[in-house]
Amino acid sequence: MVLLDHFRPPLSTRRHWHSFHNAWSTYLSETLNEVLPEGYFAEPNAQFGIEIDVATYREKGSMPLVGQSEVSQWTPQAPTATLPFQPTTDVVEVQVFSTQAGPTLVGAIELVSPANKDRPATRDAFTSKCQTYLQQGIGLFVVDIVTTLNANLHNELMERLRLQTEPLATDLYAIAYRVTEIDQAFHLEFWQETFEIGMSLPILPLYLKGGLCLPIDLESTYQATCVRQRIL
């Protein structure tokens, strides 16, 4: 099985890429749950076109809320500042949790969507999320098979973290990140594999926070998704 182009014809006219990403995240989580030891579990999280709820403002003198008196009404002043801000709008990921102290996120597999890389604001939102994971010591695994956009989120993440490394020259890749301590100092390690349409996908490690390492077989889960979604 080789990587197909889910974002250009002829496949893009026969199948929806977001449906494939959703299914792939499900099969990845199922595979992880088969090998995770007791006390861990994985679950998919796919959301597209996320919208932030708009707060409803009540004018002074409006009817009180149910169960509240008029005197309990309080209206804030105008905000100190209103600034442009871009939340992450598309999320396709597999989250791995440890249950030792209640569900605690210890690892994440991020499947990049076109909306994550189509403009500077959304790329910044995605890399900010990745930065937060890494700064918390959470194992991170990023897969980008989007062929219609040229931005490289790994390179932008390295710039955000101010780390000097050889930039990736291709936009299709999988990278596993691990925060580790060496000689009483923290370091970021990563394993990268680049690929092209028509190539097989690699196996890379997912290091969970706490040290557990799992092999992520992108090829087998990708093939299973294609077969079960009747793409082949």
C-alpha atoms as a PDB file:
ATOM      1  CA  MET A   1       0.000   0.000   0.000  1.00  0.00           C
ATOM      2  CA  VAL A   2       1.358   3.434  -0.933  1.00  0.00           C
ATOM      3  CA  LEU A   3       0.315   6.949  -0.001  1.00  0.00           C
ATOM      4  CA  LEU A   4      -2.501   8.367  -2.129  1.00  0.00           C
ATOM      5  CA  ASP A   5      -3.287  12.016  -2.805  1.00  0.00           C
ATOM      6  CA  HIS A   6      -6.518  12.666  -0.906  1.00  0.00           C
ATOM      7  CA  PHE A   7      -6.597  16.364  -1.797  1.00  0.00           C
ATOM      8  CA  ARG A   8      -6.420  16.335  -5.607  1.00  0.00           C
ATOM      9  CA  PRO A   9      -8.400  14.579  -8.362  1.00  0.00           C
ATOM     10  CA  PRO A  10      -9.185  11.871  -9.067  1.00  0.00           C
ATOM     11  CA  LEU A  11      -9.431  10.733  -5.423  1.00  0.00           C
ATOM     12  CA  SER A  12     -10.576  14.107  -4.037  1.00  0.00           C
ATOM     13  CA  THR A  13     -13.632  14.007  -6.319  1.00  0.00           C
ATOM     14  CA  ARG A  14     -14.628  10.543  -5.090  1.00  0.00           C
ATOM     15  CA  ARG A  15     -13.942  10.802  -1.347  1.00  0.00           C
ATOM     16  CA  HIS A  16     -13.959  13.535   1.296  1.00  0.00           C
ATOM     17  CA  TRP A  17     -10.522  13.988   2.867  1.00  0.00           C
ATOM     18  CA  HIS A  18     -12.022  14.952   6.236  1.00  0.00           C
ATOM     19  CA  SER A  19     -13.945  11.681   6.378  1.00  0.00           C
ATOM     20  CA  PHE A  20     -10.704   9.800   5.731  1.00  0.00           C
ATOM     21  CA  HIS A  21      -8.829  11.734   8.412  1.00  0.00           C
ATOM     22  CA  ASN A  22     -11.634  11.078  10.871  1.00  0.00           C
ATOM     23  CA  ALA A  23     -11.545   7.343  10.115  1.00  0.00           C
ATOM     24  CA  TRP A  24      -7.737   7.198  10.254  1.00  0.00           C
ATOM     25  CA  SER A  25      -7.696   8.771  13.711  1.00  0.00           C
ATOM     26  CA  THR A  26     -10.241   6.156  14.835  1.00  0.00           C
ATOM     27  CA  TYR A  27      -8.188   3.220  13.552  1.00  0.00           C
ATOM     28  CA  LEU A  28      -5.010   4.674  15.050  1.00  0.00           C
ATOM     29  CA  SER A  29      -6.677   4.890  18.457  1.00  0.00           C
ATOM     30  CA  GLU A  30      -8.044   1.349  18.129  1.00  0.00           C
ATOM     31  CA  THR A  31      -4.555   0.051  17.343  1.00  0.00           C
ATOM     32  CA  LEU A  32      -3.092   1.894  20.326  1.00  0.00           C
ATOM     33  CA  ASN A  33      -5.745   0.530  22.675  1.00  0.00           C
ATOM     34  CA  GLU A  34      -4.761  -2.989  21.642  1.00  0.00           C
ATOM     35  CA  VAL A  35      -1.190  -2.500  22.903  1.00  0.00           C
ATOM     36  CA  LEU A  36      -1.455   0.106  25.675  1.00  0.00           C
ATOM     37  CA  PRO A  37      -0.917  -1.377  29.142  1.00  0.00           C
ATOM     38  CA  GLU A  38      -3.491  -1.176  31.890  1.00  0.00           C
ATOM     39  CA  GLY A  39      -3.923   2.366  33.114  1.00  0.00           C
ATOM     40  CA  TYR A  40      -3.787   3.947  29.642  1.00  0.00           C
ATOM     41  CA  PHE A  41      -6.305   4.518  26.876  1.00  0.00           C
ATOM     42  CA  ALA A  42      -6.451   6.303  23.518  1.00  0.00           C
ATOM     43  CA  GLU A  43      -9.379   8.074  21.906  1.00  0.00           C
ATOM     44  CA  PRO A  44      -9.837   9.985  18.644  1.00  0.00           C
ATOM     45  CA  ASN A  45     -10.778  13.652  18.586  1.00  0.00           C
ATOM     46  CA  ALA A  46     -11.874  15.066  15.221  1.00  0.00           C
ATOM     47  CA  GLN A  47     -13.523  18.456  14.925  1.00  0.00           C
ATOM     48  CA  PHE A  48     -13.870  20.545  11.789  1.00  0.00           C
ATOM     49  CA  GLY A  49     -14.802  24.189  11.468  1.00  0.00           C
ATOM     50  CA  ILE A  50     -14.795  24.753  15.238  1.00  0.00           C
ATOM     51  CA  GLU A  51     -16.695  27.881  16.232  1.00  0.00           C
ATOM     52  CA  ILE A  52     -16.292  29.754  19.491  1.00  0.00           C
ATOM     53  CA  ASP A  53     -19.557  30.422  21.292  1.00  0.00           C
ATOM     54  CA  VAL A  54     -20.475  34.087  21.181  1.00  0.00           C
ATOM     55  CA  ALA A  55     -21.321  35.515  24.598  1.00  0.00           C
ATOM     56  CA  THR A  56     -24.732  37.104  24.984  1.00  0.00           C
ATOM     57  CA  TYR A  57     -24.591  40.574  26.460  1.00  0.00           C
ATOM     58  CA  ARG A  58     -27.485  41.758  28.600  1.00  0.00           C
ATOM     59  CA  GLU A  59     -28.247  45.459  28.637  1.00  0.00           C
ATOM     60  CA  LYS A  60     -28.466  47.245  31.952  1.00  0.00           C
ATOM     61  CA  GLY A  61     -31.997  47.121  33.255  1.00  0.00           C
ATOM     62  CA  SER A  62     -32.914  43.892  31.446  1.00  0.00           C
ATOM     63  CA  MET A  63     -34.935  41.180  33.143  1.00  0.00           C
ATOM     64  CA  PRO A  64     -33.040  39.276  35.863  1.00  0.00           C
ATOM     65  CA  LEU A  65     -31.880  35.725  35.245  1.00  0.00           C
ATOM     66  CA  VAL A  66     -34.007  32.905  36.640  1.00  0.00           C
ATOM     67  CA  GLY A  67     -33.277  32.456  40.351  1.00  0.00           C
ATOM     68  CA  GLN A  68     -31.405  35.736  40.650  1.00  0.00           C
ATOM     69  CA  SER A  69     -32.503  39.085  41.996  1.00  0.00           C
ATOM     70  CA  GLU A  70     -32.069  42.376  40.204  1.00  0.00           C
ATOM     71  CA  VAL A  71     -29.371  43.409  42.673  1.00  0.00           C
ATOM     72  CA  SER A  72     -27.231  40.412  41.670  1.00  0.00           C
ATOM     73  CA  GLN A  73     -27.048  41.632  38.084  1.00  0.00           C
ATOM     74  CA  TRP A  74     -23.563  42.759  37.104  1.00  0.00           C
ATOM     75  CA  THR A  75     -22.304  44.021  33.764  1.00  0.00           C
ATOM     76  CA  PRO A  76     -18.560  44.291  33.086  1.00  0.00           C
ATOM     77  CA  GLN A  77     -17.039  47.409  31.659  1.00  0.00           C
ATOM     78  CA  ALA A  78     -15.726  47.516  28.115  1.00  0.00           C
ATOM     79  CA  PRO A  79     -12.648  45.266  27.643  1.00  0.00           C
ATOM     80  CA  THR A  80      -9.223  46.755  28.112  1.00  0.00           C
ATOM     81  CA  ALA A  81      -8.237  45.560  24.633  1.00  0.00           C
ATOM     82  CA  THR A  82      -9.744  43.738  21.665  1.00  0.00           C
ATOM     83  CA  LEU A  83      -7.076  42.059  19.549  1.00  0.00           C
ATOM     84  CA  PRO A  84      -7.100  39.724  16.521  1.00  0.00           C
ATOM     85  CA  PHE A  85      -6.821  36.107  17.625  1.00  0.00           C
ATOM     86  CA  GLN A  86      -6.977  32.810  15.728  1.00  0.00           C
ATOM     87  CA  PRO A  87      -8.033  29.667  17.607  1.00  0.00           C
ATOM     88  CA  THR A  88      -7.339  26.245  16.110  1.00  0.00           C
ATOM     89  CA  THR A  89     -10.328  25.634  13.827  1.00  0.00           C
ATOM     90  CA  ASP A  90      -9.682  22.049  12.696  1.00  0.00           C
ATOM     91  CA  VAL A  91      -8.559  19.303  15.062  1.00  0.00           C
ATOM     92  CA  VAL A  92      -7.850  15.729  13.958  1.00  0.00           C
ATOM     93  CA  GLU A  93      -5.893  13.904  16.607  1.00  0.00           C
ATOM     94  CA  VAL A  94      -5.526  10.818  18.738  1.00  0.00           C
ATOM     95  CA  GLN A  95      -5.079  11.559  22.426  1.00  0.00           C
ATOM     96  CA  VAL A  96      -3.488   9.070  24.818  1.00  0.00           C
ATOM     97  CA  PHE A  97      -4.376   9.324  28.498  1.00  0.00           C
ATOM     98  CA  SER A  98      -3.015   7.867  31.710  1.00  0.00           C
ATOM     99  CA  THR A  99      -5.609   7.076  34.365  1.00  0.00           C
ATOM    100  CA  GLN A 100      -3.219   6.789  37.318  1.00  0.00           C
ATOM    101  CA  ALA A 101      -4.281  10.179  38.693  1.00  0.00           C
ATOM    102  CA  GLY A 102      -7.480  10.672  36.736  1.00  0.00           C
ATOM    103  CA  PRO A 103      -7.441  11.013  32.940  1.00  0.00           C
ATOM    104  CA  THR A 104      -4.205  12.873  32.168  1.00  0.00           C
ATOM    105  CA  LEU A 105      -3.014  13.588  28.637  1.00  0.00           C
ATOM    106  CA  VAL A 106       0.381  11.952  28.016  1.00  0.00           C
ATOM    107  CA  GLY A 107       0.573  11.750  24.213  1.00  0.00           C
ATOM    108  CA  ALA A 108      -1.025  13.086  21.035  1.00  0.00           C
ATOM    109  CA  ILE A 109      -0.975  12.208  17.346  1.00  0.00           C
ATOM    110  CA  GLU A 110      -1.886  15.195  15.166  1.00  0.00           C
ATOM    111  CA  LEU A 111      -3.126  14.649  11.590  1.00  0.00           C
ATOM    112  CA  VAL A 112      -2.621  17.957   9.806  1.00  0.00           C
ATOM    113  CA  SER A 113      -5.606  19.347   7.878  1.00  0.00           C
ATOM    114  CA  PRO A 114      -5.587  22.019   5.140  1.00  0.00           C
ATOM    115  CA  ALA A 115      -7.094  24.537   7.571  1.00  0.00           C
ATOM    116  CA  ASN A 116      -4.119  24.066   9.914  1.00  0.00           C
ATOM    117  CA  LYS A 117      -1.687  25.389   7.295  1.00  0.00           C
ATOM    118  CA  ASP A 118      -3.622  27.586   4.861  1.00  0.00           C
ATOM    119  CA  ARG A 119      -2.636  30.988   6.348  1.00  0.00           C
ATOM    120  CA  PRO A 120      -0.233  32.408   8.926  1.00  0.00           C
ATOM    121  CA  ALA A 121      -2.822  32.770  11.703  1.00  0.00           C
ATOM    122  CA  THR A 122      -3.955  29.127  11.574  1.00  0.00           C
ATOM    123  CA  ARG A 123      -0.380  27.858  11.287  1.00  0.00           C
ATOM    124  CA  ASP A 124       0.483  29.893  14.352  1.00  0.00           C
ATOM    125  CA  ALA A 125      -2.488  28.412  16.241  1.00  0.00           C
ATOM    126  CA  PHE A 126      -1.405  24.867  15.362  1.00  0.00           C
ATOM    127  CA  THR A 127       2.257  25.365  16.305  1.00  0.00           C
ATOM    128  CA  SER A 128       1.203  27.096  19.523  1.00  0.00           C
ATOM    129  CA  LYS A 129      -0.795  24.002  20.458  1.00  0.00           C
ATOM    130  CA  CYS A 130       2.202  21.776  19.673  1.00  0.00           C
ATOM    131  CA  GLN A 131       4.466  24.018  21.723  1.00  0.00           C
ATOM    132  CA  THR A 132       2.117  23.736  24.697  1.00  0.00           C
ATOM    133  CA  TYR A 133       2.154  19.934  24.465  1.00  0.00           C
ATOM    134  CA  LEU A 134       5.946  19.822  24.351  1.00  0.00           C
ATOM    135  CA  GLN A 135       6.413  22.298  27.190  1.00  0.00           C
ATOM    136  CA  GLN A 136       4.220  20.032  29.318  1.00  0.00           C
ATOM    137  CA  GLY A 137       6.360  17.019  28.396  1.00  0.00           C
ATOM    138  CA  ILE A 138       3.541  15.403  26.407  1.00  0.00           C
ATOM    139  CA  GLY A 139       4.653  13.058  23.629  1.00  0.00           C
ATOM    140  CA  LEU A 140       3.815  14.530  20.212  1.00  0.00           C
ATOM    141  CA  PHE A 141       3.512  12.915  16.787  1.00  0.00           C
ATOM    142  CA  VAL A 142       2.632  15.005  13.692  1.00  0.00           C
ATOM    143  CA  VAL A 143       1.605  13.618  10.305  1.00  0.00           C
ATOM    144  CA  ASP A 144       1.154  15.872   7.258  1.00  0.00           C
ATOM    145  CA  ILE A 145      -0.124  14.395   3.987  1.00  0.00           C
ATOM    146  CA  VAL A 146      -1.750  17.618   2.722  1.00  0.00           C
ATOM    147  CA  THR A 147      -0.572  18.104  -0.875  1.00  0.00           C
ATOM    148  CA  THR A 148      -2.391  21.319  -1.812  1.00  0.00           C
ATOM    149  CA  LEU A 149      -0.477  23.708   0.487  1.00  0.00           C
ATOM    150  CA  ASN A 150       3.261  24.259   0.766  1.00  0.00           C
ATOM    151  CA  ALA A 151       3.630  25.446   4.369  1.00  0.00           C
ATOM    152  CA  ASN A 152       5.784  23.309   6.667  1.00  0.00           C
ATOM    153  CA  LEU A 153       4.483  23.265  10.235  1.00  0.00           C
ATOM    154  CA  HIS A 154       7.546  21.481  11.621  1.00  0.00           C
ATOM    155  CA  ASN A 155       9.832  24.238  10.382  1.00  0.00           C
ATOM    156  CA  GLU A 156       7.536  26.858  11.880  1.00  0.00           C
ATOM    157  CA  LEU A 157       7.420  24.961  15.181  1.00  0.00           C
ATOM    158  CA  MET A 158      11.220  24.940  15.334  1.00  0.00           C
ATOM    159  CA  GLU A 159      11.232  28.698  14.700  1.00  0.00           C
ATOM    160  CA  ARG A 160       8.658  29.223  17.439  1.00  0.00           C
ATOM    161  CA  LEU A 161      10.792  27.199  19.857  1.00  0.00           C
ATOM    162  CA  ARG A 162      13.922  29.053  18.654  1.00  0.00           C
ATOM    163  CA  LEU A 163      15.726  25.794  17.947  1.00  0.00           C
ATOM    164  CA  GLN A 164      18.423  25.578  15.308  1.00  0.00           C
ATOM    165  CA  THR A 165      17.908  22.561  13.066  1.00  0.00           C
ATOM    166  CA  GLU A 166      18.070  21.717   9.378  1.00  0.00           C
ATOM    167  CA  PRO A 167      14.685  22.702   7.869  1.00  0.00           C
ATOM    168  CA  LEU A 168      12.627  20.098   6.084  1.00  0.00           C
ATOM    169  CA  ALA A 169      12.656  20.584   2.327  1.00  0.00           C
ATOM    170  CA  THR A 170       9.379  18.708   1.777  1.00  0.00           C
ATOM    171  CA  ASP A 171       5.874  19.313   3.090  1.00  0.00           C
ATOM    172  CA  LEU A 172       4.866  15.652   3.436  1.00  0.00           C
ATOM    173  CA  TYR A 173       6.279  14.049   6.543  1.00  0.00           C
ATOM    174  CA  ALA A 174       5.768  12.383   9.908  1.00  0.00           C
ATOM    175  CA  ILE A 175       7.706  13.536  12.966  1.00  0.00           C
ATOM    176  CA  ALA A 176       7.747  12.166  16.515  1.00  0.00           C
ATOM    177  CA  TYR A 177       8.849  14.505  19.304  1.00  0.00           C
ATOM    178  CA  ARG A 178      10.103  13.652  22.777  1.00  0.00           C
ATOM    179  CA  VAL A 179      11.135  15.897  25.673  1.00  0.00           C
ATOM    180  CA  THR A 180      13.895  14.205  27.659  1.00  0.00           C
ATOM    181  CA  GLU A 181      16.452  15.069  30.314  1.00  0.00           C
ATOM    182  CA  ILE A 182      20.157  14.645  29.522  1.00  0.00           C
ATOM    183  CA  ASP A 183      22.862  15.625  32.009  1.00  0.00           C
ATOM    184  CA  GLN A 184      20.325  17.451  34.168  1.00  0.00           C
ATOM    185  CA  ALA A 185      19.135  19.576  31.236  1.00  0.00           C
ATOM    186  CA  PHE A 186      16.008  19.193  29.115  1.00  0.00           C
ATOM    187  CA  HIS A 187      16.333  18.438  25.414  1.00  0.00           C
ATOM    188  CA  LEU A 188      13.922  17.967  22.532  1.00  0.00           C
ATOM    189  CA  GLU A 189      14.496  14.852  20.455  1.00  0.00           C
ATOM    190  CA  PHE A 190      12.651  14.091  17.258  1.00  0.00           C
ATOM    191  CA  TRP A 191      12.483  11.347  14.654  1.00  0.00           C
ATOM    192  CA  GLN A 192      11.493  12.441  11.173  1.00  0.00           C
ATOM    193  CA  GLU A 193      10.541  10.677   7.971  1.00  0.00           C
ATOM    194  CA  THR A 194       9.661  12.475   4.755  1.00  0.00           C
ATOM    195  CA  PHE A 195       7.671  10.896   1.980  1.00  0.00           C
ATOM    196  CA  GLU A 196       6.002  11.480  -1.366  1.00  0.00           C
ATOM    197  CA  ILE A 197       2.804  10.329  -3.027  1.00  0.00           C
ATOM    198  CA  GLY A 198       3.314   6.717  -4.069  1.00  0.00           C
ATOM    199  CA  MET A 199       5.654   5.888  -1.169  1.00  0.00           C
ATOM    200  CA  SER A 200       5.007   3.635   1.807  1.00  0.00           C
ATOM    201  CA  LEU A 201       4.512   5.240   5.197  1.00  0.00           C
ATOM    202  CA  PRO A 202       6.980   4.713   8.068  1.00  0.00           C
ATOM    203  CA  ILE A 203       6.909   3.385  11.616  1.00  0.00           C
ATOM    204  CA  LEU A 204       7.921   5.986  14.205  1.00  0.00           C
ATOM    205  CA  PRO A 205       7.899   6.040  18.015  1.00  0.00           C
ATOM    206  CA  LEU A 206       5.347   7.798  20.180  1.00  0.00           C
ATOM    207  CA  TYR A 207       6.976   8.548  23.539  1.00  0.00           C
ATOM    208  CA  LEU A 208       4.336   9.093  26.195  1.00  0.00           C
ATOM    209  CA  LYS A 209       4.981  11.401  29.115  1.00  0.00           C
ATOM    210  CA  GLY A 210       6.508   9.154  31.752  1.00  0.00           C
ATOM    211  CA  GLY A 211       8.731   7.184  29.370  1.00  0.00           C
ATOM    212  CA  LEU A 212       6.490   4.563  27.735  1.00  0.00           C
ATOM    213  CA  CYS A 213       7.314   4.183  24.013  1.00  0.00           C
ATOM    214  CA  LEU A 214       4.897   2.823  21.403  1.00  0.00           C
ATOM    215  CA  PRO A 215       5.553   2.076  17.715  1.00  0.00           C
ATOM    216  CA  ILE A 216       3.119   3.938  15.449  1.00  0.00           C
ATOM    217  CA  ASP A 217       2.743   1.950  12.253  1.00  0.00           C
ATOM    218  CA  LEU A 218       1.347   4.545   9.874  1.00  0.00           C
ATOM    219  CA  GLU A 219       1.441   2.149   6.923  1.00  0.00           C
ATOM    220  CA  SER A 220      -0.774  -0.564   8.431  1.00  0.00           C
ATOM    221  CA  THR A 221      -3.317   1.867   9.876  1.00  0.00           C
ATOM    222  CA  TYR A 222      -3.390   3.859   6.638  1.00  0.00           C
ATOM    223  CA  GLN A 223      -3.994   0.692   4.625  1.00  0.00           C
ATOM    224  CA  ALA A 224      -6.710  -0.470   7.020  1.00  0.00           C
ATOM    225  CA  THR A 225      -8.436   2.893   6.701  1.00  0.00           C
ATOM    226  CA  CYS A 226      -8.340   2.788   2.907  1.00  0.00           C
ATOM    227  CA  VAL A 227      -9.748  -0.743   2.868  1.00  0.00           C
ATOM    228  CA  ARG A 228     -12.509  -0.112   5.410  1.00  0.00           C
ATOM    229  CA  GLN A 229     -13.500   3.166   3.746  1.00  0.00           C
ATOM    230  CA  ARG A 230     -13.620   1.324   0.392  1.00  0.00           C
ATOM    231  CA  ILE A 231     -11.063   3.647  -1.164  1.00  0.00           C
ATOM    232  CA  LEU A 232      -9.108   0.706  -2.607  1.00  0.00           C
END
